Amino acid sequence: MLGSSELVAFAATADLRRAREFYEQVLGLTVTQDTDFACVFDASGTMLRVTAVEQVARPGYTVLGWRVADIGATARALAARGVRFTRYDGMDQDENDVWTTPGGDQVAWFADPDGNTLSLTQFA
């Protein structure tokens, strides 16, 4: 039923100004709308609504992720913009904080200013 409908992605923020700066300036997403309630971005054709909330819940799993062609280069470029990648105990992550799955996919995790877990994935 929804297979032909466009997906809208959501992330929460307690500070819209700070979130806009991160998603626009650090991640390079284009702002399409900015109100007192949400900042809307174009994420390569998918609408991302970063919505103002009083307190951001931190669920402990990835809320948004991007498929990338070269995870090492993307991770280095984001690190140069101040992104700090997350290292997890027991996971063999490389010098770019990238973990390779048993199937050969590569994943790196980082957080936005509100602590939402975001990721990069390069599929095998």
Protein backbone atom coordinates (compact mmCIF):
# COMPACT_ATOMS: atom_id res chain seq x y z
CA MET A 1 0.00 0.00 0.00
CA LEU A 2 2.77 2.51 0.86
CA GLY A 3 5.35 1.08 -1.55
CA SER A 4 4.81 3.91 -4.02
CA SER A 5 4.63 6.69 -1.39
CA GLU A 6 7.60 8.84 -0.44
CA LEU A 7 9.25 8.21 2.92
CA VAL A 8 9.62 11.06 5.42
CA ALA A 9 12.36 10.60 8.01
CA PHE A 10 12.28 12.19 11.49
CA ALA A 11 14.87 13.06 14.11
CA ALA A 12 14.34 14.96 17.35
CA THR A 13 16.20 17.95 18.72
CA ALA A 14 16.02 20.07 21.85
CA ASP A 15 17.75 22.94 20.00
CA LEU A 16 16.65 23.65 16.42
CA ARG A 17 19.35 26.25 15.77
CA ARG A 18 22.12 23.87 16.81
CA ALA A 19 20.57 20.98 14.87
CA ARG A 20 20.22 23.10 11.73
CA GLU A 21 23.87 24.09 11.93
CA PHE A 22 24.95 20.45 12.27
CA TYR A 23 22.74 18.95 9.56
CA GLU A 24 23.32 21.85 7.15
CA GLN A 25 26.92 22.91 7.78
CA VAL A 26 28.53 19.68 8.97
CA LEU A 27 26.55 17.02 7.06
CA GLY A 28 25.88 19.22 4.02
CA LEU A 29 22.10 18.78 3.77
CA THR A 30 20.00 21.48 2.12
CA VAL A 31 17.39 23.26 4.26
CA THR A 32 13.98 23.38 2.57
CA GLN A 33 11.95 24.80 5.45
CA ASP A 34 12.68 26.28 8.87
CA THR A 35 9.93 26.99 11.42
CA ASP A 36 9.67 27.20 15.19
CA PHE A 37 8.62 23.52 15.22
CA ALA A 38 10.96 21.82 12.75
CA CYS A 39 13.81 22.26 10.36
CA VAL A 40 13.27 20.34 7.13
CA PHE A 41 16.13 19.07 4.98
CA ASP A 42 16.47 17.44 1.59
CA ALA A 43 18.45 14.25 2.20
CA SER A 44 19.06 13.22 -1.42
CA GLY A 45 15.36 13.28 -2.24
CA THR A 46 14.10 12.10 1.15
CA MET A 47 12.52 14.68 3.44
CA LEU A 48 14.19 14.77 6.84
CA ARG A 49 12.21 16.63 9.49
CA VAL A 50 14.30 17.52 12.53
CA THR A 51 11.55 18.26 15.02
CA ALA A 52 11.75 20.35 18.18
CA VAL A 53 11.01 18.45 21.37
CA GLU A 54 11.46 19.34 25.01
CA GLN A 55 13.77 16.41 25.69
CA VAL A 56 15.37 13.99 23.22
CA ALA A 57 15.06 10.30 24.06
CA ARG A 58 18.21 8.35 23.31
CA PRO A 59 17.05 4.91 22.22
CA GLY A 60 20.53 3.34 21.92
CA TYR A 61 20.25 2.39 18.26
CA THR A 62 20.74 4.10 14.91
CA VAL A 63 17.93 6.49 14.00
CA LEU A 64 19.30 7.69 10.62
CA GLY A 65 21.91 6.27 8.29
CA TRP A 66 23.44 7.04 4.94
CA ARG A 67 24.60 4.61 2.26
CA VAL A 68 27.96 5.84 0.97
CA ALA A 69 30.24 4.72 -1.85
CA ASP A 70 33.54 5.22 0.03
CA ILE A 71 33.10 5.00 3.79
CA GLY A 72 36.75 5.74 4.59
CA ALA A 73 36.78 8.96 2.57
CA THR A 74 33.37 10.02 3.92
CA ALA A 75 34.42 9.33 7.52
CA ARG A 76 37.64 11.31 7.07
CA ALA A 77 35.74 14.24 5.50
CA LEU A 78 33.22 14.31 8.34
CA ALA A 79 35.99 14.01 10.94
CA ALA A 80 37.64 17.04 9.34
CA ARG A 81 34.36 18.90 9.97
CA GLY A 82 34.42 17.96 13.65
CA VAL A 83 32.38 14.74 13.67
CA ARG A 84 33.57 12.31 16.33
CA PHE A 85 32.89 8.69 15.48
CA THR A 86 31.85 6.19 18.12
CA ARG A 87 34.02 3.24 19.04
CA TYR A 88 32.37 0.19 20.56
CA ASP A 89 34.08 -2.29 22.88
CA GLY A 90 34.54 -5.68 21.27
CA MET A 91 34.19 -4.41 17.70
CA ASP A 92 37.29 -4.39 15.54
CA GLN A 93 37.05 -0.89 14.07
CA ASP A 94 39.77 0.46 11.78
CA GLU A 95 41.64 3.78 11.92
CA ASN A 96 38.52 5.57 10.55
CA ASP A 97 36.34 3.91 13.25
CA VAL A 98 34.77 1.68 10.58
CA TRP A 99 33.61 -1.83 11.49
CA THR A 100 33.43 -4.55 8.84
CA THR A 101 30.55 -7.00 9.27
CA PRO A 102 31.05 -10.74 8.71
CA GLY A 103 29.30 -10.26 5.34
CA GLY A 104 31.70 -7.50 4.27
CA ASP A 105 29.49 -4.44 4.79
CA GLN A 106 31.26 -1.55 6.50
CA VAL A 107 29.62 0.66 9.14
CA ALA A 108 30.65 3.72 11.16
CA TRP A 109 28.55 5.44 13.82
CA PHE A 110 28.45 8.99 15.12
CA ALA A 111 26.01 11.21 16.99
CA ASP A 112 24.31 14.49 16.23
CA PRO A 113 24.43 17.25 18.89
CA ASP A 114 21.36 15.78 20.63
CA GLY A 115 22.91 12.32 20.91
CA ASN A 116 20.87 10.69 18.12
CA THR A 117 22.94 7.81 16.73
CA LEU A 118 23.63 8.24 13.01
CA SER A 119 25.57 5.94 10.72
CA LEU A 120 27.39 5.50 7.44
CA THR A 121 27.24 2.19 5.58
CA GLN A 122 29.16 0.97 2.58
CA PHE A 123 27.53 -2.24 1.41
CA ALA A 124 29.74 -5.05 0.10
